[in-house]
Amino acid sequence: MSTTTIRLPDELKARITAAAKQAGTTAHAFILEAIAEKAEQAERRADFDAVAEARYADIVATGKTIPWPEMRAYLEARLAGKVTQRPAARKLVR
């Protein structure tokens, strides 16, 4: 395991210490958890962006999409527990 030194302003260090105490853990463990959560958040965001880019590239390549009113009606029906047919993608009208 490697070691990294960070300089924390006194006010932030005090906040971390108080929050860690309230969480029943050490300041060190609290900081590690916060860094891990932030890294996971960044990774998830990157995955989300990659999926969005791939989907947009597919739309550009095929020219096919589903109009929002149709997709919304489909999603609302699904949320209501209804069995409904998935709308078909078709060429984008410009």
PDB file of N, CA and C in Angstrom:
ATOM      1  N   MET A   1       0.853  -1.174   0.000  1.00  0.00           N
ATOM      2  CA  MET A   1       0.000   0.000   0.000  1.00  0.00           C
ATOM      3  C   MET A   1       0.895   1.232   0.000  1.00  0.00           C
ATOM      4  N   SER A   2       0.560   2.179  -0.847  1.00  0.00           N
ATOM      5  CA  SER A   2       1.373   3.387  -0.918  1.00  0.00           C
ATOM      6  C   SER A   2       0.847   4.450   0.045  1.00  0.00           C
ATOM      7  N   THR A   3       1.663   5.444   0.261  1.00  0.00           N
ATOM      8  CA  THR A   3       1.320   6.539   1.158  1.00  0.00           C
ATOM      9  C   THR A   3       1.256   7.826   0.354  1.00  0.00           C
ATOM     10  N   THR A   4       0.225   8.613   0.615  1.00  0.00           N
ATOM     11  CA  THR A   4       0.077   9.919  -0.004  1.00  0.00           C
ATOM     12  C   THR A   4      -0.148  10.927   1.105  1.00  0.00           C
ATOM     13  N   THR A   5       0.537  12.018   1.018  1.00  0.00           N
ATOM     14  CA  THR A   5       0.378  13.075   2.010  1.00  0.00           C
ATOM     15  C   THR A   5      -0.479  14.176   1.411  1.00  0.00           C
ATOM     16  N   ILE A   6      -1.496  14.592   2.157  1.00  0.00           N
ATOM     17  CA  ILE A   6      -2.307  15.729   1.729  1.00  0.00           C
ATOM     18  C   ILE A   6      -2.316  16.765   2.840  1.00  0.00           C
ATOM     19  N   ARG A   7      -2.354  17.992   2.451  1.00  0.00           N
ATOM     20  CA  ARG A   7      -2.417  19.078   3.414  1.00  0.00           C
ATOM     21  C   ARG A   7      -3.867  19.561   3.491  1.00  0.00           C
ATOM     22  N   LEU A   8      -4.407  19.500   4.674  1.00  0.00           N
ATOM     23  CA  LEU A   8      -5.795  19.896   4.896  1.00  0.00           C
ATOM     24  C   LEU A   8      -5.840  21.191   5.687  1.00  0.00           C
ATOM     25  N   PRO A   9      -6.678  22.124   5.275  1.00  0.00           N
ATOM     26  CA  PRO A   9      -6.873  23.309   6.101  1.00  0.00           C
ATOM     27  C   PRO A   9      -7.414  22.877   7.468  1.00  0.00           C
ATOM     28  N   ASP A  10      -7.054  23.611   8.497  1.00  0.00           N
ATOM     29  CA  ASP A  10      -7.467  23.253   9.857  1.00  0.00           C
ATOM     30  C   ASP A  10      -8.982  23.102   9.978  1.00  0.00           C
ATOM     31  N   GLU A  11      -9.729  23.985   9.328  1.00  0.00           N
ATOM     32  CA  GLU A  11     -11.186  23.939   9.405  1.00  0.00           C
ATOM     33  C   GLU A  11     -11.716  22.632   8.802  1.00  0.00           C
ATOM     34  N   LEU A  12     -11.169  22.225   7.656  1.00  0.00           N
ATOM     35  CA  LEU A  12     -11.601  20.980   7.025  1.00  0.00           C
ATOM     36  C   LEU A  12     -11.220  19.775   7.873  1.00  0.00           C
ATOM     37  N   LYS A  13     -10.036  19.787   8.429  1.00  0.00           N
ATOM     38  CA  LYS A  13      -9.592  18.683   9.287  1.00  0.00           C
ATOM     39  C   LYS A  13     -10.527  18.538  10.483  1.00  0.00           C
ATOM     40  N   ALA A  14     -10.945  19.664  11.062  1.00  0.00           N
ATOM     41  CA  ALA A  14     -11.865  19.627  12.200  1.00  0.00           C
ATOM     42  C   ALA A  14     -13.226  19.066  11.780  1.00  0.00           C
ATOM     43  N   ARG A  15     -13.692  19.453  10.611  1.00  0.00           N
ATOM     44  CA  ARG A  15     -14.966  18.930  10.107  1.00  0.00           C
ATOM     45  C   ARG A  15     -14.885  17.428   9.872  1.00  0.00           C
ATOM     46  N   ILE A  16     -13.768  16.974   9.305  1.00  0.00           N
ATOM     47  CA  ILE A  16     -13.579  15.546   9.045  1.00  0.00           C
ATOM     48  C   ILE A  16     -13.546  14.774  10.359  1.00  0.00           C
ATOM     49  N   THR A  17     -12.811  15.297  11.321  1.00  0.00           N
ATOM     50  CA  THR A  17     -12.707  14.640  12.624  1.00  0.00           C
ATOM     51  C   THR A  17     -14.081  14.514  13.276  1.00  0.00           C
ATOM     52  N   ALA A  18     -14.862  15.585  13.236  1.00  0.00           N
ATOM     53  CA  ALA A  18     -16.201  15.566  13.837  1.00  0.00           C
ATOM     54  C   ALA A  18     -17.115  14.594  13.099  1.00  0.00           C
ATOM     55  N   ALA A  19     -17.070  14.612  11.774  1.00  0.00           N
ATOM     56  CA  ALA A  19     -17.927  13.722  10.986  1.00  0.00           C
ATOM     57  C   ALA A  19     -17.534  12.262  11.198  1.00  0.00           C
ATOM     58  N   ALA A  20     -16.239  12.005  11.276  1.00  0.00           N
ATOM     59  CA  ALA A  20     -15.763  10.634  11.504  1.00  0.00           C
ATOM     60  C   ALA A  20     -16.206  10.128  12.872  1.00  0.00           C
ATOM     61  N   LYS A  21     -16.094  10.996  13.871  1.00  0.00           N
ATOM     62  CA  LYS A  21     -16.508  10.615  15.217  1.00  0.00           C
ATOM     63  C   LYS A  21     -17.991  10.284  15.241  1.00  0.00           C
ATOM     64  N   GLN A  22     -18.790  11.121  14.563  1.00  0.00           N
ATOM     65  CA  GLN A  22     -20.233  10.899  14.509  1.00  0.00           C
ATOM     66  C   GLN A  22     -20.543   9.589  13.764  1.00  0.00           C
ATOM     67  N   ALA A  23     -19.735   9.251  12.765  1.00  0.00           N
ATOM     68  CA  ALA A  23     -19.939   8.019  11.993  1.00  0.00           C
ATOM     69  C   ALA A  23     -19.358   6.801  12.704  1.00  0.00           C
ATOM     70  N   GLY A  24     -18.641   7.032  13.795  1.00  0.00           N
ATOM     71  CA  GLY A  24     -18.065   5.921  14.554  1.00  0.00           C
ATOM     72  C   GLY A  24     -16.838   5.315  13.902  1.00  0.00           C
ATOM     73  N   THR A  25     -16.068   6.147  13.252  1.00  0.00           N
ATOM     74  CA  THR A  25     -14.867   5.670  12.573  1.00  0.00           C
ATOM     75  C   THR A  25     -13.731   6.671  12.799  1.00  0.00           C
ATOM     76  N   THR A  26     -12.588   6.368  12.262  1.00  0.00           N
ATOM     77  CA  THR A  26     -11.445   7.280  12.395  1.00  0.00           C
ATOM     78  C   THR A  26     -11.457   8.285  11.249  1.00  0.00           C
ATOM     79  N   ALA A  27     -10.734   9.370  11.438  1.00  0.00           N
ATOM     80  CA  ALA A  27     -10.617  10.374  10.380  1.00  0.00           C
ATOM     81  C   ALA A  27      -9.965   9.752   9.149  1.00  0.00           C
ATOM     82  N   HIS A  28      -8.968   8.889   9.362  1.00  0.00           N
ATOM     83  CA  HIS A  28      -8.279   8.236   8.251  1.00  0.00           C
ATOM     84  C   HIS A  28      -9.262   7.384   7.439  1.00  0.00           C
ATOM     85  N   ALA A  29     -10.051   6.552   8.121  1.00  0.00           N
ATOM     86  CA  ALA A  29     -11.016   5.697   7.430  1.00  0.00           C
ATOM     87  C   ALA A  29     -12.075   6.541   6.724  1.00  0.00           C
ATOM     88  N   PHE A  30     -12.478   7.626   7.355  1.00  0.00           N
ATOM     89  CA  PHE A  30     -13.470   8.529   6.774  1.00  0.00           C
ATOM     90  C   PHE A  30     -12.950   9.129   5.476  1.00  0.00           C
ATOM     91  N   ILE A  31     -11.700   9.582   5.492  1.00  0.00           N
ATOM     92  CA  ILE A  31     -11.079  10.170   4.306  1.00  0.00           C
ATOM     93  C   ILE A  31     -10.948   9.123   3.201  1.00  0.00           C
ATOM     94  N   LEU A  32     -10.511   7.909   3.542  1.00  0.00           N
ATOM     95  CA  LEU A  32     -10.386   6.848   2.542  1.00  0.00           C
ATOM     96  C   LEU A  32     -11.732   6.542   1.898  1.00  0.00           C
ATOM     97  N   GLU A  33     -12.776   6.456   2.719  1.00  0.00           N
ATOM     98  CA  GLU A  33     -14.108   6.175   2.182  1.00  0.00           C
ATOM     99  C   GLU A  33     -14.576   7.295   1.263  1.00  0.00           C
ATOM    100  N   ALA A  34     -14.309   8.537   1.654  1.00  0.00           N
ATOM    101  CA  ALA A  34     -14.710   9.677   0.834  1.00  0.00           C
ATOM    102  C   ALA A  34     -13.985   9.663  -0.515  1.00  0.00           C
ATOM    103  N   ILE A  35     -12.706   9.338  -0.505  1.00  0.00           N
ATOM    104  CA  ILE A  35     -11.933   9.276  -1.749  1.00  0.00           C
ATOM    105  C   ILE A  35     -12.457   8.134  -2.623  1.00  0.00           C
ATOM    106  N   ALA A  36     -12.741   6.984  -2.020  1.00  0.00           N
ATOM    107  CA  ALA A  36     -13.260   5.841  -2.778  1.00  0.00           C
ATOM    108  C   ALA A  36     -14.619   6.173  -3.400  1.00  0.00           C
ATOM    109  N   GLU A  37     -15.478   6.845  -2.636  1.00  0.00           N
ATOM    110  CA  GLU A  37     -16.790   7.235  -3.161  1.00  0.00           C
ATOM    111  C   GLU A  37     -16.640   8.206  -4.325  1.00  0.00           C
ATOM    112  N   LYS A  38     -15.740   9.155  -4.197  1.00  0.00           N
ATOM    113  CA  LYS A  38     -15.535  10.139  -5.262  1.00  0.00           C
ATOM    114  C   LYS A  38     -14.978   9.472  -6.518  1.00  0.00           C
ATOM    115  N   ALA A  39     -14.054   8.519  -6.346  1.00  0.00           N
ATOM    116  CA  ALA A  39     -13.497   7.796  -7.486  1.00  0.00           C
ATOM    117  C   ALA A  39     -14.588   6.975  -8.177  1.00  0.00           C
ATOM    118  N   GLU A  40     -15.435   6.309  -7.388  1.00  0.00           N
ATOM    119  CA  GLU A  40     -16.528   5.522  -7.957  1.00  0.00           C
ATOM    120  C   GLU A  40     -17.502   6.413  -8.719  1.00  0.00           C
ATOM    121  N   GLN A  41     -17.785   7.575  -8.160  1.00  0.00           N
ATOM    122  CA  GLN A  41     -18.682   8.527  -8.813  1.00  0.00           C
ATOM    123  C   GLN A  41     -18.103   8.964 -10.161  1.00  0.00           C
ATOM    124  N   ALA A  42     -16.816   9.251 -10.206  1.00  0.00           N
ATOM    125  CA  ALA A  42     -16.176   9.665 -11.453  1.00  0.00           C
ATOM    126  C   ALA A  42     -16.182   8.525 -12.475  1.00  0.00           C
ATOM    127  N   GLU A  43     -15.953   7.299 -12.015  1.00  0.00           N
ATOM    128  CA  GLU A  43     -15.978   6.146 -12.914  1.00  0.00           C
ATOM    129  C   GLU A  43     -17.381   5.919 -13.474  1.00  0.00           C
ATOM    130  N   ARG A  44     -18.380   6.037 -12.609  1.00  0.00           N
ATOM    131  CA  ARG A  44     -19.761   5.876 -13.068  1.00  0.00           C
ATOM    132  C   ARG A  44     -20.141   6.937 -14.082  1.00  0.00           C
ATOM    133  N   ARG A  45     -19.689   8.156 -13.825  1.00  0.00           N
ATOM    134  CA  ARG A  45     -19.984   9.256 -14.747  1.00  0.00           C
ATOM    135  C   ARG A  45     -19.324   9.005 -16.102  1.00  0.00           C
ATOM    136  N   ALA A  46     -18.087   8.517 -16.079  1.00  0.00           N
ATOM    137  CA  ALA A  46     -17.377   8.214 -17.324  1.00  0.00           C
ATOM    138  C   ALA A  46     -18.102   7.099 -18.080  1.00  0.00           C
ATOM    139  N   ASP A  47     -18.582   6.079 -17.370  1.00  0.00           N
ATOM    140  CA  ASP A  47     -19.342   4.995 -18.009  1.00  0.00           C
ATOM    141  C   ASP A  47     -20.629   5.535 -18.619  1.00  0.00           C
ATOM    142  N   PHE A  48     -21.322   6.385 -17.882  1.00  0.00           N
ATOM    143  CA  PHE A  48     -22.563   6.997 -18.364  1.00  0.00           C
ATOM    144  C   PHE A  48     -22.299   7.796 -19.636  1.00  0.00           C
ATOM    145  N   ASP A  49     -21.233   8.606 -19.608  1.00  0.00           N
ATOM    146  CA  ASP A  49     -20.878   9.408 -20.779  1.00  0.00           C
ATOM    147  C   ASP A  49     -20.532   8.526 -21.974  1.00  0.00           C
ATOM    148  N   ALA A  50     -19.834   7.425 -21.742  1.00  0.00           N
ATOM    149  CA  ALA A  50     -19.465   6.507 -22.828  1.00  0.00           C
ATOM    150  C   ALA A  50     -20.707   5.881 -23.450  1.00  0.00           C
ATOM    151  N   VAL A  51     -21.664   5.471 -22.624  1.00  0.00           N
ATOM    152  CA  VAL A  51     -22.908   4.894 -23.139  1.00  0.00           C
ATOM    153  C   VAL A  51     -23.671   5.943 -23.941  1.00  0.00           C
ATOM    154  N   ALA A  52     -23.752   7.161 -23.425  1.00  0.00           N
ATOM    155  CA  ALA A  52     -24.459   8.233 -24.121  1.00  0.00           C
ATOM    156  C   ALA A  52     -23.804   8.528 -25.468  1.00  0.00           C
ATOM    157  N   GLU A  53     -22.485   8.591 -25.492  1.00  0.00           N
ATOM    158  CA  GLU A  53     -21.763   8.845 -26.747  1.00  0.00           C
ATOM    159  C   GLU A  53     -22.003   7.728 -27.754  1.00  0.00           C
ATOM    160  N   ALA A  54     -21.980   6.478 -27.291  1.00  0.00           N
ATOM    161  CA  ALA A  54     -22.210   5.340 -28.189  1.00  0.00           C
ATOM    162  C   ALA A  54     -23.631   5.377 -28.749  1.00  0.00           C
ATOM    163  N   ARG A  55     -24.587   5.702 -27.904  1.00  0.00           N
ATOM    164  CA  ARG A  55     -25.976   5.765 -28.368  1.00  0.00           C
ATOM    165  C   ARG A  55     -26.162   6.899 -29.363  1.00  0.00           C
ATOM    166  N   TYR A  56     -25.536   8.033 -29.104  1.00  0.00           N
ATOM    167  CA  TYR A  56     -25.635   9.155 -30.030  1.00  0.00           C
ATOM    168  C   TYR A  56     -24.968   8.810 -31.361  1.00  0.00           C
ATOM    169  N   ALA A  57     -23.820   8.141 -31.306  1.00  0.00           N
ATOM    170  CA  ALA A  57     -23.139   7.723 -32.530  1.00  0.00           C
ATOM    171  C   ALA A  57     -24.026   6.789 -33.345  1.00  0.00           C
ATOM    172  N   ASP A  58     -24.772   5.920 -32.657  1.00  0.00           N
ATOM    173  CA  ASP A  58     -25.693   5.013 -33.345  1.00  0.00           C
ATOM    174  C   ASP A  58     -26.813   5.798 -34.018  1.00  0.00           C
ATOM    175  N   ILE A  59     -27.321   6.806 -33.343  1.00  0.00           N
ATOM    176  CA  ILE A  59     -28.368   7.646 -33.934  1.00  0.00           C
ATOM    177  C   ILE A  59     -27.837   8.352 -35.168  1.00  0.00           C
ATOM    178  N   VAL A  60     -26.643   8.894 -35.067  1.00  0.00           N
ATOM    179  CA  VAL A  60     -26.036   9.597 -36.203  1.00  0.00           C
ATOM    180  C   VAL A  60     -25.790   8.630 -37.356  1.00  0.00           C
ATOM    181  N   ALA A  61     -25.303   7.426 -37.044  1.00  0.00           N
ATOM    182  CA  ALA A  61     -24.982   6.444 -38.086  1.00  0.00           C
ATOM    183  C   ALA A  61     -26.227   5.907 -38.780  1.00  0.00           C
ATOM    184  N   THR A  62     -27.284   5.649 -38.019  1.00  0.00           N
ATOM    185  CA  THR A  62     -28.478   5.030 -38.601  1.00  0.00           C
ATOM    186  C   THR A  62     -29.551   6.046 -38.969  1.00  0.00           C
ATOM    187  N   GLY A  63     -29.523   7.193 -38.291  1.00  0.00           N
ATOM    188  CA  GLY A  63     -30.562   8.189 -38.502  1.00  0.00           C
ATOM    189  C   GLY A  63     -31.879   7.806 -37.836  1.00  0.00           C
ATOM    190  N   LYS A  64     -31.852   6.724 -37.041  1.00  0.00           N
ATOM    191  CA  LYS A  64     -33.087   6.246 -36.423  1.00  0.00           C
ATOM    192  C   LYS A  64     -33.169   6.677 -34.957  1.00  0.00           C
ATOM    193  N   THR A  65     -34.385   7.019 -34.567  1.00  0.00           N
ATOM    194  CA  THR A  65     -34.641   7.407 -33.190  1.00  0.00           C
ATOM    195  C   THR A  65     -36.113   7.172 -32.870  1.00  0.00           C
ATOM    196  N   ILE A  66     -36.486   7.342 -31.632  1.00  0.00           N
ATOM    197  CA  ILE A  66     -37.879   7.208 -31.203  1.00  0.00           C
ATOM    198  C   ILE A  66     -38.334   8.572 -30.696  1.00  0.00           C
ATOM    199  N   PRO A  67     -39.424   9.100 -31.239  1.00  0.00           N
ATOM    200  CA  PRO A  67     -39.910  10.398 -30.762  1.00  0.00           C
ATOM    201  C   PRO A  67     -40.237  10.345 -29.264  1.00  0.00           C
ATOM    202  N   TRP A  68     -39.916  11.413 -28.556  1.00  0.00           N
ATOM    203  CA  TRP A  68     -40.105  11.457 -27.109  1.00  0.00           C
ATOM    204  C   TRP A  68     -41.540  11.165 -26.687  1.00  0.00           C
ATOM    205  N   PRO A  69     -42.582  11.729 -27.336  1.00  0.00           N
ATOM    206  CA  PRO A  69     -43.941  11.419 -26.869  1.00  0.00           C
ATOM    207  C   PRO A  69     -44.245   9.910 -26.889  1.00  0.00           C
ATOM    208  N   GLU A  70     -43.746   9.201 -27.904  1.00  0.00           N
ATOM    209  CA  GLU A  70     -43.962   7.752 -27.973  1.00  0.00           C
ATOM    210  C   GLU A  70     -43.197   7.028 -26.861  1.00  0.00           C
ATOM    211  N   MET A  71     -41.953   7.428 -26.647  1.00  0.00           N
ATOM    212  CA  MET A  71     -41.146   6.781 -25.617  1.00  0.00           C
ATOM    213  C   MET A  71     -41.718   7.071 -24.238  1.00  0.00           C
ATOM    214  N   ARG A  72     -42.172   8.292 -24.027  1.00  0.00           N
ATOM    215  CA  ARG A  72     -42.748   8.648 -22.738  1.00  0.00           C
ATOM    216  C   ARG A  72     -44.001   7.826 -22.455  1.00  0.00           C
ATOM    217  N   ALA A  73     -44.864   7.689 -23.456  1.00  0.00           N
ATOM    218  CA  ALA A  73     -46.082   6.895 -23.282  1.00  0.00           C
ATOM    219  C   ALA A  73     -45.719   5.444 -22.967  1.00  0.00           C
ATOM    220  N   TYR A  74     -44.719   4.925 -23.641  1.00  0.00           N
ATOM    221  CA  TYR A  74     -44.263   3.553 -23.397  1.00  0.00           C
ATOM    222  C   TYR A  74     -43.755   3.402 -21.964  1.00  0.00           C
ATOM    223  N   LEU A  75     -42.915   4.335 -21.520  1.00  0.00           N
ATOM    224  CA  LEU A  75     -42.353   4.266 -20.170  1.00  0.00           C
ATOM    225  C   LEU A  75     -43.434   4.421 -19.100  1.00  0.00           C
ATOM    226  N   GLU A  76     -44.381   5.313 -19.331  1.00  0.00           N
ATOM    227  CA  GLU A  76     -45.470   5.489 -18.370  1.00  0.00           C
ATOM    228  C   GLU A  76     -46.322   4.229 -18.264  1.00  0.00           C
ATOM    229  N   ALA A  77     -46.563   3.583 -19.400  1.00  0.00           N
ATOM    230  CA  ALA A  77     -47.329   2.337 -19.385  1.00  0.00           C
ATOM    231  C   ALA A  77     -46.582   1.259 -18.610  1.00  0.00           C
ATOM    232  N   ARG A  78     -45.274   1.165 -18.837  1.00  0.00           N
ATOM    233  CA  ARG A  78     -44.462   0.174 -18.120  1.00  0.00           C
ATOM    234  C   ARG A  78     -44.483   0.436 -16.619  1.00  0.00           C
ATOM    235  N   LEU A  79     -44.363   1.722 -16.236  1.00  0.00           N
ATOM    236  CA  LEU A  79     -44.402   2.071 -14.816  1.00  0.00           C
ATOM    237  C   LEU A  79     -45.745   1.713 -14.183  1.00  0.00           C
ATOM    238  N   ALA A  80     -46.802   1.796 -14.982  1.00  0.00           N
ATOM    239  CA  ALA A  80     -48.132   1.468 -14.488  1.00  0.00           C
ATOM    240  C   ALA A  80     -48.369  -0.042 -14.463  1.00  0.00           C
ATOM    241  N   GLY A  81     -47.374  -0.818 -14.896  1.00  0.00           N
ATOM    242  CA  GLY A  81     -47.487  -2.269 -14.866  1.00  0.00           C
ATOM    243  C   GLY A  81     -48.216  -2.856 -16.064  1.00  0.00           C
ATOM    244  N   LYS A  82     -48.451  -2.045 -17.080  1.00  0.00           N
ATOM    245  CA  LYS A  82     -49.144  -2.523 -18.269  1.00  0.00           C
ATOM    246  C   LYS A  82     -48.165  -3.212 -19.213  1.00  0.00           C
ATOM    247  N   VAL A  83     -48.672  -4.210 -19.913  1.00  0.00           N
ATOM    248  CA  VAL A  83     -47.884  -4.858 -20.956  1.00  0.00           C
ATOM    249  C   VAL A  83     -48.086  -4.033 -22.216  1.00  0.00           C
ATOM    250  N   THR A  84     -47.001  -3.551 -22.767  1.00  0.00           N
ATOM    251  CA  THR A  84     -47.091  -2.678 -23.931  1.00  0.00           C
ATOM    252  C   THR A  84     -45.963  -2.990 -24.896  1.00  0.00           C
ATOM    253  N   GLN A  85     -46.192  -2.674 -26.140  1.00  0.00           N
ATOM    254  CA  GLN A  85     -45.188  -2.948 -27.166  1.00  0.00           C
ATOM    255  C   GLN A  85     -44.178  -1.805 -27.198  1.00  0.00           C
ATOM    256  N   ARG A  86     -42.914  -2.185 -27.271  1.00  0.00           N
ATOM    257  CA  ARG A  86     -41.833  -1.202 -27.336  1.00  0.00           C
ATOM    258  C   ARG A  86     -41.926  -0.443 -28.657  1.00  0.00           C
ATOM    259  N   PRO A  87     -41.819   0.887 -28.617  1.00  0.00           N
ATOM    260  CA  PRO A  87     -41.889   1.644 -29.872  1.00  0.00           C
ATOM    261  C   PRO A  87     -40.684   1.330 -30.760  1.00  0.00           C
ATOM    262  N   ALA A  88     -40.912   1.351 -32.047  1.00  0.00           N
ATOM    263  CA  ALA A  88     -39.841   1.046 -33.006  1.00  0.00           C
ATOM    264  C   ALA A  88     -39.122   2.328 -33.408  1.00  0.00           C
ATOM    265  N   ALA A  89     -37.802   2.216 -33.517  1.00  0.00           N
ATOM    266  CA  ALA A  89     -37.020   3.360 -33.986  1.00  0.00           C
ATOM    267  C   ALA A  89     -37.251   3.540 -35.485  1.00  0.00           C
ATOM    268  N   ARG A  90     -37.249   4.799 -35.901  1.00  0.00           N
ATOM    269  CA  ARG A  90     -37.400   5.080 -37.323  1.00  0.00           C
ATOM    270  C   ARG A  90     -36.559   6.301 -37.684  1.00  0.00           C
ATOM    271  N   LYS A  91     -36.435   6.553 -38.958  1.00  0.00           N
ATOM    272  CA  LYS A  91     -35.607   7.655 -39.436  1.00  0.00           C
ATOM    273  C   LYS A  91     -36.058   8.970 -38.825  1.00  0.00           C
ATOM    274  N   LEU A  92     -35.085   9.748 -38.410  1.00  0.00           N
ATOM    275  CA  LEU A  92     -35.338  11.054 -37.831  1.00  0.00           C
ATOM    276  C   LEU A  92     -35.831  11.996 -38.930  1.00  0.00           C
ATOM    277  N   VAL A  93     -36.934  12.689 -38.675  1.00  0.00           N
ATOM    278  CA  VAL A  93     -37.476  13.661 -39.639  1.00  0.00           C
ATOM    279  C   VAL A  93     -36.927  15.023 -39.265  1.00  0.00           C
ATOM    280  N   ARG A  94     -36.321  15.682 -40.245  1.00  0.00           N
ATOM    281  CA  ARG A  94     -35.755  17.019 -39.985  1.00  0.00           C
ATOM    282  C   ARG A  94     -36.514  18.085 -40.701  1.00  0.00           C
TER     283      ARG A  94
END
